Amino acid sequence: MTTPVLSVRQLTTSFRADPWSPWKSVVRNLDFDVAAGETLAIVGESGSGKSVTSLSVMRLLAARTSRIEGSVKLNGRELTTLSEPEMRRVRGSEVSMIFQEPMTSLNPMMTIGDQVAEALRCHLDIGAAEARREVIKLFEKVRIPNAKDRYDAHPHKLSGGQRQRVMIAMALAARPKLLIADEPTTALDVTIQGQVLDLIKELQADTGMGVLFITHDMGVVAEIADRTLVMLRGDKVEDGPTAEVFAGAHHPYTRALLSAVPRLGSMALRDTPATFGLIDRDTGSAGPEVPVPAARAEQAPVLEVRNLRTRFPVRGGALARVTGAVHAVEGVSFTLQLGETLALVGESGCGKSTTGRSILRLTEPDDGEVLVQGVAMQSLSESELRRARRAIQMVFQDPFASLNPRVPIGTTVAEPYVEQKLGSTDEARAKAAALLERVGLSRDMMGRLPHEFSGGQRQRICIARALMLDPKIIIADEAVSALDVSIKAQVCNLLMELQQSLGLAYIFISHDMAVVERVSHRVAVMYMGEIVEIGPRRAVFEAPQHPYTRQLIAAVPVPDPARRTLRRNQQVEELKSPFRPKGFVPPQRQYREVAPGHLVLA
């Protein structure tokens, strides 16, 4: 029997805040192996111990506040007893790691080529010229367009997917035997995620390296993993071949995780949204799905957007003159009814968030008309705009960045009511307490600070704050994108329950097509600042007409291990830029109606 690339036995990792505090174990008695050419996925929600496991293997935890017990062997060599200089030689040459957020992993002051070359020269005895040639080859291998020219580019000039490819190139520079990938696709758009998964599969086939893949996305697990290990609160609860785990999971938590995953196509033949089955942490079971009533048709839409345009000027030259503009939103039009959810979908940079911000005039649009309950937002003074925003509120992607870290959440939730002078401070606090209970929190939590809550709880706080002014419309900008699968299900169910009881209208901005299929009544697909397809959710998903819509749907990971050998063969192209030179006049766009209410850009 061949020796596994990585063998972990009885791994226990503990932490303490200071030398006088007791040790608290967050990973306990963990056993697993990774063979050459094999992919093992470690799955679980935030706090399960996945990332701590990978950092323990790499010995990247602070020595003063952490303790690693057990055995970690790489090609038969014990890592836990190596000195720090010996461990530094192992990292990068024998085992490499790709982190979740490439922008924070890359030095913004160095070119991407120099950063990868530095990793090469740390482990190989080569000169600068040879290192440059090797880096360009690596960039070509990971399919970075125009690899030679991109060598001297800084990280901020690359897209998220391209930055992740740079991290993969850096990890592969010294041809390691083991690659640890910690949530490498979580923050990426669905098409870029598909490309990265394909790339890892191909590189693994070429080099025969073992891969330890950490994720909470069961669709990604099904497509990339040979074996799956499920963790819950620091313990291994299930381990086995991926196909067997998916087909006949034994542990209730594994079954609940699988049932809570939104599956593309699960809403086939349904016209209305449906809630998610929620994970019960005590029984491990998932609750039933509940249909949501259809949107209420009104004679007059609560929101009308007509030919909205938002452009950002670009300056250049010695005199910093305007040389052109980024056409972020170009000629966008749609309506929204009370009780309806319209999803805006597309990849990063397509104009989704700018559309939402332009509607609220958080970003001033250049042209077009926005009517909220018949009131033209563009014609309002600053004081009138503040009053008009009572009817339309926004929930942002990052709840922690949306909350003041020094202000108790009770004060934060009550603040809009006080600022709009709708009542006294006592009335505001009473309403805030009632809304916190409405979104599943307790009024006893009002004195806590944001850091004392989980990500899902913080998002509930932001939803409660948005409801303080009794709005008719809520713009949810990637409000569930960064959440674990069960927390995502809870927040989506909360939004749908509030819509049903309060008659709210939602603009649901997302790139998660499986979630969009579940929660929306209508879908608008955006590309390069334009809506290329819009229509009833069922029509767009079951009969997509525009090539970009079909590409988005095809790229969605599906929790089916039969797709393990799938290659999407997506074309890796240079990202198209929405920049247009000064004086550019966009062509007139025409839409064709392929079915009632289903429009496609001609």
Foldseek 3Di string as FASTA:
>chain_A
DADAQKWFFQKWKWFDDAPVGDTDTQAGGDTDTWHFLAEEEEADFPSLCQVVVVCVLLVVDDPRTMDIDGFIAGSNHTDVPDDPVVSVLCELQAEYEQEAFLVVVFDQVAQLLVVLLVSLVVHDVDDPVVSSVLLLVLLVLLPDPPSNVSNRHGPVVDDRLSSSSSSVSSSCNNPHQEYEYANHPLPFFLLSSQSVLLSVSVVSVVRRHTYYYYDHQLLSCLQAHQKYWYGGSNYTDDIDGLQCCLVPNDDLLSVQSNQLHQFQPPCAPPQFFKAGFFQDPVRSHTHDIGTFDAADDDPDFQKWWFQWWAWAFAFDDPVRDGFFIQGLAGGETDTWHFLFEEEEADGPSLNLVVVVCCLLPVPPIPDTFMAGNHRTLNPDDPVVSLVVCLQEEEQEAQLVVVFDQVAFLLCVLLVSCVVNVVDDPVVSSVLLQVQLVLLPHHSVRRRPGPVVDDRLSSSSSSVSSSPSSVHQEYEYANHLSNGRSNSSSSVLVSVSVCCRVSRHYYHYYDSQLSVCLNRHQKYFYTGSNYGFKIAGSNCCSVPNDDPVSVSSNVSHRGSHSVNNVPRPPDDDDDDDGSIDTPPDDDDDWDWDDPDVRIIGID
